[in-house]
Structure formats: C-alpha cells, structure tokens
C-alpha cells in the first residue's frame, strides 16, 4: 500500500467535507461491519472511513433526521432523569419562647 497516495486521497476527501463534524453512513463489509449505521465523527475520521470504503457521507436529509433523533433522545433522557430525582423541602422546627413547652 502506498501511504502517500492513501493520505493524499484522505486529505482530498477531507477538503470536500463540510463543517468540523460529519455524519457518515456505514457500509457493510466482509469483516463484519454493519451497514446503514449513522454516526457523527470529525472530518479526518470521516475521510479515512470513506477512503477505506467503510462508510459514505450521509445526505442532508439523513443528517437532519440523525440530529433530530439524537435531540429527541437527549430530551427524553433528561426528562426521565428529572422524574427520578427526589426533592426534599426542609421545614424549620417549630420554636417556642423560652420557658414555654407544648
């Protein structure tokens, strides 16, 4: 394998990718890679996986749907966490004037 050509290809792909983070769709591989899984990774890792044929860049629609699902899952997790929190209220003890007891 020619490493110069490999990294040149990775840099070319990286230059074409938008933004610092990219949503990629995995491609099924013969070594057990599961296809169709969406993941958000940095540009270099996305370019590396695309160059190796393990993933392809997600379409705008797939990317938007991925972010929407993640936002909904985050909100559901936060709501579940807030439900499970116990809240206590400290009530001061009743005080009586000196010498008086009830």
PDB file of N, CA and C in Angstrom:
ATOM      1  N   UNK A   1       0.843  -1.180   0.000  1.00  0.00           N
ATOM      2  CA  UNK A   1       0.000   0.000   0.000  1.00  0.00           C
ATOM      3  C   UNK A   1       0.894   1.252   0.000  1.00  0.00           C
ATOM      4  N   UNK A   2       0.600   2.156  -0.875  1.00  0.00           N
ATOM      5  CA  UNK A   2       1.337   3.409  -0.977  1.00  0.00           C
ATOM      6  C   UNK A   2       0.728   4.417  -0.005  1.00  0.00           C
ATOM      7  N   UNK A   3       1.436   4.678   1.094  1.00  0.00           N
ATOM      8  CA  UNK A   3       0.901   5.553   2.135  1.00  0.00           C
ATOM      9  C   UNK A   3       0.734   6.998   1.668  1.00  0.00           C
ATOM     10  N   UNK A   4       1.628   7.462   0.826  1.00  0.00           N
ATOM     11  CA  UNK A   4       1.500   8.836   0.316  1.00  0.00           C
ATOM     12  C   UNK A   4       0.206   8.999  -0.467  1.00  0.00           C
ATOM     13  N   UNK A   5      -0.080   8.034  -1.333  1.00  0.00           N
ATOM     14  CA  UNK A   5      -1.312   8.093  -2.128  1.00  0.00           C
ATOM     15  C   UNK A   5      -2.537   7.976  -1.224  1.00  0.00           C
ATOM     16  N   UNK A   6      -2.458   7.105  -0.212  1.00  0.00           N
ATOM     17  CA  UNK A   6      -3.579   6.908   0.717  1.00  0.00           C
ATOM     18  C   UNK A   6      -3.896   8.211   1.445  1.00  0.00           C
ATOM     19  N   UNK A   7      -2.898   8.837   2.047  1.00  0.00           N
ATOM     20  CA  UNK A   7      -3.138  10.062   2.796  1.00  0.00           C
ATOM     21  C   UNK A   7      -3.478  11.241   1.896  1.00  0.00           C
ATOM     22  N   UNK A   8      -2.998  11.235   0.676  1.00  0.00           N
ATOM     23  CA  UNK A   8      -3.390  12.271  -0.284  1.00  0.00           C
ATOM     24  C   UNK A   8      -4.887  12.149  -0.563  1.00  0.00           C
ATOM     25  N   UNK A   9      -5.346  10.899  -0.750  1.00  0.00           N
ATOM     26  CA  UNK A   9      -6.769  10.659  -1.004  1.00  0.00           C
ATOM     27  C   UNK A   9      -7.609  11.073   0.208  1.00  0.00           C
ATOM     28  N   UNK A  10      -7.118  10.757   1.412  1.00  0.00           N
ATOM     29  CA  UNK A  10      -7.839  11.131   2.632  1.00  0.00           C
ATOM     30  C   UNK A  10      -7.937  12.646   2.739  1.00  0.00           C
ATOM     31  N   UNK A  11      -6.845  13.356   2.476  1.00  0.00           N
ATOM     32  CA  UNK A  11      -6.859  14.825   2.543  1.00  0.00           C
ATOM     33  C   UNK A  11      -7.797  15.428   1.498  1.00  0.00           C
ATOM     34  N   UNK A  12      -7.835  14.846   0.295  1.00  0.00           N
ATOM     35  CA  UNK A  12      -8.742  15.341  -0.745  1.00  0.00           C
ATOM     36  C   UNK A  12     -10.197  15.180  -0.321  1.00  0.00           C
ATOM     37  N   UNK A  13     -10.508  14.024   0.232  1.00  0.00           N
ATOM     38  CA  UNK A  13     -11.878  13.774   0.697  1.00  0.00           C
ATOM     39  C   UNK A  13     -12.207  14.708   1.854  1.00  0.00           C
ATOM     40  N   UNK A  14     -11.262  14.877   2.777  1.00  0.00           N
ATOM     41  CA  UNK A  14     -11.467  15.745   3.940  1.00  0.00           C
ATOM     42  C   UNK A  14     -11.741  17.191   3.514  1.00  0.00           C
ATOM     43  N   UNK A  15     -11.070  17.640   2.474  1.00  0.00           N
ATOM     44  CA  UNK A  15     -11.261  19.012   1.990  1.00  0.00           C
ATOM     45  C   UNK A  15     -12.665  19.220   1.420  1.00  0.00           C
ATOM     46  N   UNK A  16     -13.288  18.171   0.926  1.00  0.00           N
ATOM     47  CA  UNK A  16     -14.622  18.280   0.332  1.00  0.00           C
ATOM     48  C   UNK A  16     -15.744  18.204   1.368  1.00  0.00           C
ATOM     49  N   UNK A  17     -15.426  17.724   2.572  1.00  0.00           N
ATOM     50  CA  UNK A  17     -16.461  17.548   3.592  1.00  0.00           C
ATOM     51  C   UNK A  17     -16.758  18.880   4.287  1.00  0.00           C
ATOM     52  N   UNK A  18     -18.044  19.151   4.545  1.00  0.00           N
ATOM     53  CA  UNK A  18     -18.415  20.422   5.182  1.00  0.00           C
ATOM     54  C   UNK A  18     -18.322  20.342   6.709  1.00  0.00           C
ATOM     55  N   UNK A  19     -17.976  21.439   7.337  1.00  0.00           N
ATOM     56  CA  UNK A  19     -18.015  21.550   8.797  1.00  0.00           C
ATOM     57  C   UNK A  19     -16.999  20.688   9.514  1.00  0.00           C
ATOM     58  N   UNK A  20     -16.853  20.907  10.827  1.00  0.00           N
ATOM     59  CA  UNK A  20     -15.890  20.130  11.601  1.00  0.00           C
ATOM     60  C   UNK A  20     -16.370  18.716  11.919  1.00  0.00           C
ATOM     61  N   UNK A  21     -17.685  18.511  11.952  1.00  0.00           N
ATOM     62  CA  UNK A  21     -18.252  17.197  12.214  1.00  0.00           C
ATOM     63  C   UNK A  21     -19.108  16.768  11.027  1.00  0.00           C
ATOM     64  N   UNK A  22     -19.027  15.473  10.711  1.00  0.00           N
ATOM     65  CA  UNK A  22     -19.731  14.942   9.543  1.00  0.00           C
ATOM     66  C   UNK A  22     -20.497  13.691   9.957  1.00  0.00           C
ATOM     67  N   UNK A  23     -21.725  13.558   9.469  1.00  0.00           N
ATOM     68  CA  UNK A  23     -22.497  12.341   9.690  1.00  0.00           C
ATOM     69  C   UNK A  23     -22.186  11.393   8.546  1.00  0.00           C
ATOM     70  N   UNK A  24     -21.769  10.163   8.890  1.00  0.00           N
ATOM     71  CA  UNK A  24     -21.460   9.147   7.882  1.00  0.00           C
ATOM     72  C   UNK A  24     -22.388   7.950   8.064  1.00  0.00           C
ATOM     73  N   UNK A  25     -22.582   7.220   6.968  1.00  0.00           N
ATOM     74  CA  UNK A  25     -23.390   6.004   6.977  1.00  0.00           C
ATOM     75  C   UNK A  25     -22.444   4.843   6.731  1.00  0.00           C
ATOM     76  N   UNK A  26     -22.440   3.879   7.628  1.00  0.00           N
ATOM     77  CA  UNK A  26     -21.537   2.751   7.469  1.00  0.00           C
ATOM     78  C   UNK A  26     -21.981   1.864   6.307  1.00  0.00           C
ATOM     79  N   UNK A  27     -21.002   1.193   5.730  1.00  0.00           N
ATOM     80  CA  UNK A  27     -21.242   0.257   4.628  1.00  0.00           C
ATOM     81  C   UNK A  27     -20.911  -1.138   5.134  1.00  0.00           C
ATOM     82  N   UNK A  28     -21.742  -2.113   4.816  1.00  0.00           N
ATOM     83  CA  UNK A  28     -21.491  -3.480   5.250  1.00  0.00           C
ATOM     84  C   UNK A  28     -20.191  -3.982   4.632  1.00  0.00           C
ATOM     85  N   UNK A  29     -19.344  -4.571   5.475  1.00  0.00           N
ATOM     86  CA  UNK A  29     -18.055  -5.079   5.000  1.00  0.00           C
ATOM     87  C   UNK A  29     -17.947  -6.571   5.255  1.00  0.00           C
ATOM     88  N   UNK A  30     -17.000  -7.202   4.573  1.00  0.00           N
ATOM     89  CA  UNK A  30     -16.816  -8.646   4.704  1.00  0.00           C
ATOM     90  C   UNK A  30     -16.241  -9.036   6.066  1.00  0.00           C
ATOM     91  N   UNK A  31     -15.629  -8.084   6.763  1.00  0.00           N
ATOM     92  CA  UNK A  31     -15.056  -8.416   8.072  1.00  0.00           C
ATOM     93  C   UNK A  31     -16.032  -8.170   9.220  1.00  0.00           C
ATOM     94  N   UNK A  32     -17.300  -8.067   8.923  1.00  0.00           N
ATOM     95  CA  UNK A  32     -18.332  -7.972   9.954  1.00  0.00           C
ATOM     96  C   UNK A  32     -18.892  -6.593  10.177  1.00  0.00           C
ATOM     97  N   UNK A  33     -18.503  -5.618   9.374  1.00  0.00           N
ATOM     98  CA  UNK A  33     -19.030  -4.263   9.523  1.00  0.00           C
ATOM     99  C   UNK A  33     -20.513  -4.221   9.207  1.00  0.00           C
ATOM    100  N   UNK A  34     -21.277  -3.586  10.068  1.00  0.00           N
ATOM    101  CA  UNK A  34     -22.728  -3.498   9.903  1.00  0.00           C
ATOM    102  C   UNK A  34     -23.065  -2.272   9.062  1.00  0.00           C
ATOM    103  N   UNK A  35     -23.868  -2.451   8.056  1.00  0.00           N
ATOM    104  CA  UNK A  35     -24.231  -1.369   7.157  1.00  0.00           C
ATOM    105  C   UNK A  35     -25.419  -0.555   7.637  1.00  0.00           C
ATOM    106  N   UNK A  36     -25.470   0.724   7.218  1.00  0.00           N
ATOM    107  CA  UNK A  36     -26.615   1.571   7.493  1.00  0.00           C
ATOM    108  C   UNK A  36     -26.619   2.268   8.838  1.00  0.00           C
ATOM    109  N   UNK A  37     -25.525   2.195   9.573  1.00  0.00           N
ATOM    110  CA  UNK A  37     -25.457   2.835  10.883  1.00  0.00           C
ATOM    111  C   UNK A  37     -24.950   4.272  10.707  1.00  0.00           C
ATOM    112  N   UNK A  38     -25.708   5.220  11.225  1.00  0.00           N
ATOM    113  CA  UNK A  38     -25.318   6.632  11.145  1.00  0.00           C
ATOM    114  C   UNK A  38     -24.482   7.006  12.359  1.00  0.00           C
ATOM    115  N   UNK A  39     -23.402   7.742  12.105  1.00  0.00           N
ATOM    116  CA  UNK A  39     -22.502   8.182  13.175  1.00  0.00           C
ATOM    117  C   UNK A  39     -21.967   9.556  12.839  1.00  0.00           C
ATOM    118  N   UNK A  40     -21.806  10.390  13.859  1.00  0.00           N
ATOM    119  CA  UNK A  40     -21.215  11.711  13.646  1.00  0.00           C
ATOM    120  C   UNK A  40     -19.763  11.667  14.120  1.00  0.00           C
ATOM    121  N   UNK A  41     -18.840  11.984  13.208  1.00  0.00           N
ATOM    122  CA  UNK A  41     -17.410  11.935  13.501  1.00  0.00           C
ATOM    123  C   UNK A  41     -16.739  13.197  12.967  1.00  0.00           C
ATOM    124  N   UNK A  42     -15.473  13.407  13.370  1.00  0.00           N
ATOM    125  CA  UNK A  42     -14.752  14.565  12.844  1.00  0.00           C
ATOM    126  C   UNK A  42     -14.376  14.322  11.376  1.00  0.00           C
ATOM    127  N   UNK A  43     -13.994  15.403  10.693  1.00  0.00           N
ATOM    128  CA  UNK A  43     -13.740  15.342   9.246  1.00  0.00           C
ATOM    129  C   UNK A  43     -12.656  14.330   8.881  1.00  0.00           C
ATOM    130  N   UNK A  44     -11.559  14.288   9.643  1.00  0.00           N
ATOM    131  CA  UNK A  44     -10.464  13.384   9.299  1.00  0.00           C
ATOM    132  C   UNK A  44     -10.905  11.932   9.375  1.00  0.00           C
ATOM    133  N   UNK A  45     -11.590  11.566  10.451  1.00  0.00           N
ATOM    134  CA  UNK A  45     -12.047  10.181  10.606  1.00  0.00           C
ATOM    135  C   UNK A  45     -13.070   9.829   9.537  1.00  0.00           C
ATOM    136  N   UNK A  46     -13.951  10.763   9.215  1.00  0.00           N
ATOM    137  CA  UNK A  46     -14.935  10.523   8.153  1.00  0.00           C
ATOM    138  C   UNK A  46     -14.223  10.293   6.826  1.00  0.00           C
ATOM    139  N   UNK A  47     -13.233  11.143   6.512  1.00  0.00           N
ATOM    140  CA  UNK A  47     -12.484  10.996   5.259  1.00  0.00           C
ATOM    141  C   UNK A  47     -11.742   9.669   5.223  1.00  0.00           C
ATOM    142  N   UNK A  48     -11.190   9.266   6.339  1.00  0.00           N
ATOM    143  CA  UNK A  48     -10.461   7.994   6.422  1.00  0.00           C
ATOM    144  C   UNK A  48     -11.392   6.814   6.145  1.00  0.00           C
ATOM    145  N   UNK A  49     -12.573   6.808   6.773  1.00  0.00           N
ATOM    146  CA  UNK A  49     -13.522   5.704   6.561  1.00  0.00           C
ATOM    147  C   UNK A  49     -14.069   5.698   5.131  1.00  0.00           C
ATOM    148  N   UNK A  50     -14.267   6.879   4.562  1.00  0.00           N
ATOM    149  CA  UNK A  50     -14.744   6.950   3.178  1.00  0.00           C
ATOM    150  C   UNK A  50     -13.668   6.425   2.238  1.00  0.00           C
ATOM    151  N   UNK A  51     -12.413   6.812   2.465  1.00  0.00           N
ATOM    152  CA  UNK A  51     -11.306   6.354   1.619  1.00  0.00           C
ATOM    153  C   UNK A  51     -11.123   4.842   1.705  1.00  0.00           C
ATOM    154  N   UNK A  52     -11.373   4.273   2.867  1.00  0.00           N
ATOM    155  CA  UNK A  52     -11.226   2.832   3.059  1.00  0.00           C
ATOM    156  C   UNK A  52     -12.454   2.053   2.590  1.00  0.00           C
ATOM    157  N   UNK A  53     -13.517   2.750   2.199  1.00  0.00           N
ATOM    158  CA  UNK A  53     -14.722   2.074   1.731  1.00  0.00           C
ATOM    159  C   UNK A  53     -15.567   1.506   2.857  1.00  0.00           C
ATOM    160  N   UNK A  54     -15.404   2.018   4.056  1.00  0.00           N
ATOM    161  CA  UNK A  54     -16.180   1.542   5.200  1.00  0.00           C
ATOM    162  C   UNK A  54     -17.420   2.382   5.456  1.00  0.00           C
ATOM    163  N   UNK A  55     -17.471   3.584   4.859  1.00  0.00           N
ATOM    164  CA  UNK A  55     -18.606   4.490   5.079  1.00  0.00           C
ATOM    165  C   UNK A  55     -18.723   5.441   3.900  1.00  0.00           C
ATOM    166  N   UNK A  56     -19.863   6.115   3.854  1.00  0.00           N
ATOM    167  CA  UNK A  56     -20.059   7.188   2.881  1.00  0.00           C
ATOM    168  C   UNK A  56     -20.734   8.343   3.624  1.00  0.00           C
ATOM    169  N   UNK A  57     -20.582   9.538   3.096  1.00  0.00           N
ATOM    170  CA  UNK A  57     -21.179  10.713   3.736  1.00  0.00           C
ATOM    171  C   UNK A  57     -22.700  10.613   3.653  1.00  0.00           C
ATOM    172  N   UNK A  58     -23.362  10.977   4.736  1.00  0.00           N
ATOM    173  CA  UNK A  58     -24.821  10.944   4.771  1.00  0.00           C
ATOM    174  C   UNK A  58     -25.378  12.121   3.983  1.00  0.00           C
ATOM    175  N   UNK A  59     -26.555  11.926   3.424  1.00  0.00           N
ATOM    176  CA  UNK A  59     -27.221  13.023   2.719  1.00  0.00           C
ATOM    177  C   UNK A  59     -27.706  14.042   3.749  1.00  0.00           C
ATOM    178  N   UNK A  60     -28.101  15.205   3.280  1.00  0.00           N
ATOM    179  CA  UNK A  60     -28.585  16.258   4.169  1.00  0.00           C
ATOM    180  C   UNK A  60     -29.819  15.776   4.927  1.00  0.00           C
ATOM    181  N   UNK A  61     -30.712  15.059   4.246  1.00  0.00           N
ATOM    182  CA  UNK A  61     -31.925  14.548   4.891  1.00  0.00           C
ATOM    183  C   UNK A  61     -31.581  13.537   5.979  1.00  0.00           C
ATOM    184  N   UNK A  62     -30.645  12.621   5.681  1.00  0.00           N
ATOM    185  CA  UNK A  62     -30.229  11.631   6.674  1.00  0.00           C
ATOM    186  C   UNK A  62     -29.566  12.305   7.870  1.00  0.00           C
ATOM    187  N   UNK A  63     -28.753  13.290   7.593  1.00  0.00           N
ATOM    188  CA  UNK A  63     -28.060  14.019   8.653  1.00  0.00           C
ATOM    189  C   UNK A  63     -29.057  14.764   9.544  1.00  0.00           C
ATOM    190  N   UNK A  64     -30.022  15.436   8.935  1.00  0.00           N
ATOM    191  CA  UNK A  64     -31.041  16.154   9.708  1.00  0.00           C
ATOM    192  C   UNK A  64     -31.863  15.195  10.561  1.00  0.00           C
ATOM    193  N   UNK A  65     -32.249  14.055   9.992  1.00  0.00           N
ATOM    194  CA  UNK A  65     -33.019  13.064  10.738  1.00  0.00           C
ATOM    195  C   UNK A  65     -32.194  12.506  11.903  1.00  0.00           C
ATOM    196  N   UNK A  66     -30.899  12.287  11.674  1.00  0.00           N
ATOM    197  CA  UNK A  66     -29.997  11.791  12.715  1.00  0.00           C
ATOM    198  C   UNK A  66     -29.928  12.778  13.880  1.00  0.00           C
ATOM    199  N   UNK A  67     -29.737  14.057  13.567  1.00  0.00           N
ATOM    200  CA  UNK A  67     -29.659  15.066  14.617  1.00  0.00           C
ATOM    201  C   UNK A  67     -30.994  15.211  15.355  1.00  0.00           C
ATOM    202  N   UNK A  68     -32.107  15.123  14.645  1.00  0.00           N
ATOM    203  CA  UNK A  68     -33.418  15.213  15.273  1.00  0.00           C
ATOM    204  C   UNK A  68     -33.639  14.050  16.240  1.00  0.00           C
ATOM    205  N   UNK A  69     -33.290  12.827  15.811  1.00  0.00           N
ATOM    206  CA  UNK A  69     -33.436  11.661  16.691  1.00  0.00           C
ATOM    207  C   UNK A  69     -32.558  11.799  17.934  1.00  0.00           C
ATOM    208  N   UNK A  70     -31.343  12.282  17.753  1.00  0.00           N
ATOM    209  CA  UNK A  70     -30.451  12.469  18.902  1.00  0.00           C
ATOM    210  C   UNK A  70     -30.997  13.513  19.864  1.00  0.00           C
ATOM    211  N   UNK A  71     -31.547  14.600  19.344  1.00  0.00           N
ATOM    212  CA  UNK A  71     -32.116  15.650  20.195  1.00  0.00           C
ATOM    213  C   UNK A  71     -33.319  15.117  20.971  1.00  0.00           C
ATOM    214  N   UNK A  72     -34.177  14.349  20.294  1.00  0.00           N
ATOM    215  CA  UNK A  72     -35.344  13.773  20.969  1.00  0.00           C
ATOM    216  C   UNK A  72     -34.917  12.785  22.044  1.00  0.00           C
ATOM    217  N   UNK A  73     -33.909  11.975  21.766  1.00  0.00           N
ATOM    218  CA  UNK A  73     -33.415  11.012  22.752  1.00  0.00           C
ATOM    219  C   UNK A  73     -32.806  11.728  23.951  1.00  0.00           C
ATOM    220  N   UNK A  74     -32.097  12.823  23.703  1.00  0.00           N
ATOM    221  CA  UNK A  74     -31.498  13.595  24.789  1.00  0.00           C
ATOM    222  C   UNK A  74     -32.582  14.193  25.678  1.00  0.00           C
ATOM    223  N   UNK A  75     -33.617  14.766  25.066  1.00  0.00           N
ATOM    224  CA  UNK A  75     -34.706  15.353  25.835  1.00  0.00           C
ATOM    225  C   UNK A  75     -35.452  14.302  26.651  1.00  0.00           C
ATOM    226  N   UNK A  76     -35.657  13.116  26.068  1.00  0.00           N
ATOM    227  CA  UNK A  76     -36.333  12.032  26.795  1.00  0.00           C
ATOM    228  C   UNK A  76     -35.488  11.565  27.976  1.00  0.00           C
ATOM    229  N   UNK A  77     -34.182  11.472  27.787  1.00  0.00           N
ATOM    230  CA  UNK A  77     -33.295  11.061  28.876  1.00  0.00           C
ATOM    231  C   UNK A  77     -33.273  12.104  29.988  1.00  0.00           C
ATOM    232  N   UNK A  78     -33.247  13.379  29.626  1.00  0.00           N
ATOM    233  CA  UNK A  78     -33.263  14.441  30.633  1.00  0.00           C
ATOM    234  C   UNK A  78     -34.573  14.443  31.404  1.00  0.00           C
ATOM    235  N   UNK A  79     -35.681  14.187  30.700  1.00  0.00           N
ATOM    236  CA  UNK A  79     -36.981  14.145  31.360  1.00  0.00           C
ATOM    237  C   UNK A  79     -37.047  12.951  32.313  1.00  0.00           C
ATOM    238  N   UNK A  80     -36.546  11.798  31.890  1.00  0.00           N
ATOM    239  CA  UNK A  80     -36.544  10.616  32.756  1.00  0.00           C
ATOM    240  C   UNK A  80     -35.657  10.850  33.981  1.00  0.00           C
ATOM    241  N   UNK A  81     -34.541  11.528  33.786  1.00  0.00           N
ATOM    242  CA  UNK A  81     -33.652  11.813  34.909  1.00  0.00           C
ATOM    243  C   UNK A  81     -34.297  12.770  35.896  1.00  0.00           C
ATOM    244  N   UNK A  82     -35.034  13.749  35.400  1.00  0.00           N
ATOM    245  CA  UNK A  82     -35.675  14.706  36.300  1.00  0.00           C
ATOM    246  C   UNK A  82     -36.826  14.059  37.070  1.00  0.00           C
ATOM    247  N   UNK A  83     -37.470  13.081  36.492  1.00  0.00           N
ATOM    248  CA  UNK A  83     -38.556  12.381  37.180  1.00  0.00           C
ATOM    249  C   UNK A  83     -38.005  11.550  38.326  1.00  0.00           C
ATOM    250  N   UNK A  84     -36.836  10.986  38.135  1.00  0.00           N
ATOM    251  CA  UNK A  84     -36.254  10.106  39.143  1.00  0.00           C
ATOM    252  C   UNK A  84     -35.580  10.851  40.292  1.00  0.00           C
ATOM    253  N   UNK A  85     -35.446  12.148  40.191  1.00  0.00           N
ATOM    254  CA  UNK A  85     -34.830  12.910  41.272  1.00  0.00           C
ATOM    255  C   UNK A  85     -35.814  13.085  42.416  1.00  0.00           C
ATOM    256  N   UNK A  86     -35.325  12.839  43.615  1.00  0.00           N
ATOM    257  CA  UNK A  86     -36.155  13.077  44.799  1.00  0.00           C
ATOM    258  C   UNK A  86     -35.918  14.506  45.253  1.00  0.00           C
ATOM    259  N   UNK A  87     -36.979  15.188  45.585  1.00  0.00           N
ATOM    260  CA  UNK A  87     -36.850  16.557  46.051  1.00  0.00           C
ATOM    261  C   UNK A  87     -37.323  16.639  47.495  1.00  0.00           C
ATOM    262  N   UNK A  88     -36.515  17.260  48.308  1.00  0.00           N
ATOM    263  CA  UNK A  88     -36.843  17.429  49.716  1.00  0.00           C
ATOM    264  C   UNK A  88     -36.983  18.906  50.013  1.00  0.00           C
ATOM    265  N   UNK A  89     -37.877  19.188  50.928  1.00  0.00           N
ATOM    266  CA  UNK A  89     -38.036  20.558  51.388  1.00  0.00           C
ATOM    267  C   UNK A  89     -37.780  20.560  52.882  1.00  0.00           C
ATOM    268  N   UNK A  90     -36.864  21.407  53.310  1.00  0.00           N
ATOM    269  CA  UNK A  90     -36.523  21.491  54.723  1.00  0.00           C
ATOM    270  C   UNK A  90     -37.478  22.466  55.388  1.00  0.00           C
ATOM    271  N   UNK A  91     -38.183  21.954  56.372  1.00  0.00           N
ATOM    272  CA  UNK A  91     -39.138  22.770  57.109  1.00  0.00           C
ATOM    273  C   UNK A  91     -38.535  23.031  58.479  1.00  0.00           C
ATOM    274  N   UNK A  92     -38.417  24.276  58.851  1.00  0.00           N
ATOM    275  CA  UNK A  92     -37.806  24.555  60.153  1.00  0.00           C
ATOM    276  C   UNK A  92     -38.688  24.040  61.290  1.00  0.00           C
ATOM    277  N   UNK A  93     -38.031  23.614  62.355  1.00  0.00           N
ATOM    278  CA  UNK A  93     -38.764  23.117  63.523  1.00  0.00           C
ATOM    279  C   UNK A  93     -39.508  24.271  64.187  1.00  0.00           C
ATOM    280  N   UNK A  94     -40.611  23.949  64.795  1.00  0.00           N
ATOM    281  CA  UNK A  94     -41.394  24.976  65.463  1.00  0.00           C
ATOM    282  C   UNK A  94     -40.640  25.424  66.705  1.00  0.00           C
ATOM    283  N   UNK A  95     -40.468  26.713  66.836  1.00  0.00           N
ATOM    284  CA  UNK A  95     -39.754  27.228  68.009  1.00  0.00           C
ATOM    285  C   UNK A  95     -40.725  27.887  68.960  1.00  0.00           C
ATOM    286  N   UNK A  96     -40.479  27.744  70.230  1.00  0.00           N
ATOM    287  CA  UNK A  96     -41.321  28.310  71.268  1.00  0.00           C
ATOM    288  C   UNK A  96     -40.501  29.333  72.049  1.00  0.00           C
ATOM    289  N   UNK A  97     -41.186  30.289  72.658  1.00  0.00           N
ATOM    290  CA  UNK A  97     -40.460  31.239  73.518  1.00  0.00           C
ATOM    291  C   UNK A  97     -39.801  30.519  74.676  1.00  0.00           C
ATOM    292  N   UNK A  98     -38.766  31.099  75.249  1.00  0.00           N
ATOM    293  CA  UNK A  98     -38.061  30.463  76.343  1.00  0.00           C
ATOM    294  C   UNK A  98     -38.988  30.147  77.507  1.00  0.00           C
ATOM    295  N   UNK A  99     -38.797  28.943  78.001  1.00  0.00           N
ATOM    296  CA  UNK A  99     -39.553  28.534  79.169  1.00  0.00           C
ATOM    297  C   UNK A  99     -40.903  27.962  78.852  1.00  0.00           C
ATOM    298  N   UNK A 100     -41.392  28.058  77.649  1.00  0.00           N
ATOM    299  CA  UNK A 100     -42.709  27.549  77.307  1.00  0.00           C
ATOM    300  C   UNK A 100     -42.551  26.299  76.468  1.00  0.00           C
ATOM    301  N   UNK A 101     -43.239  25.235  76.835  1.00  0.00           N
ATOM    302  CA  UNK A 101     -43.217  23.981  76.067  1.00  0.00           C
ATOM    303  C   UNK A 101     -44.630  23.548  75.783  1.00  0.00           C
ATOM    304  N   UNK A 102     -44.866  23.006  74.640  1.00  0.00           N
ATOM    305  CA  UNK A 102     -46.196  22.476  74.321  1.00  0.00           C
ATOM    306  C   UNK A 102     -46.126  21.040  74.007  1.00  0.00           C
TER     307      UNK A 102
END
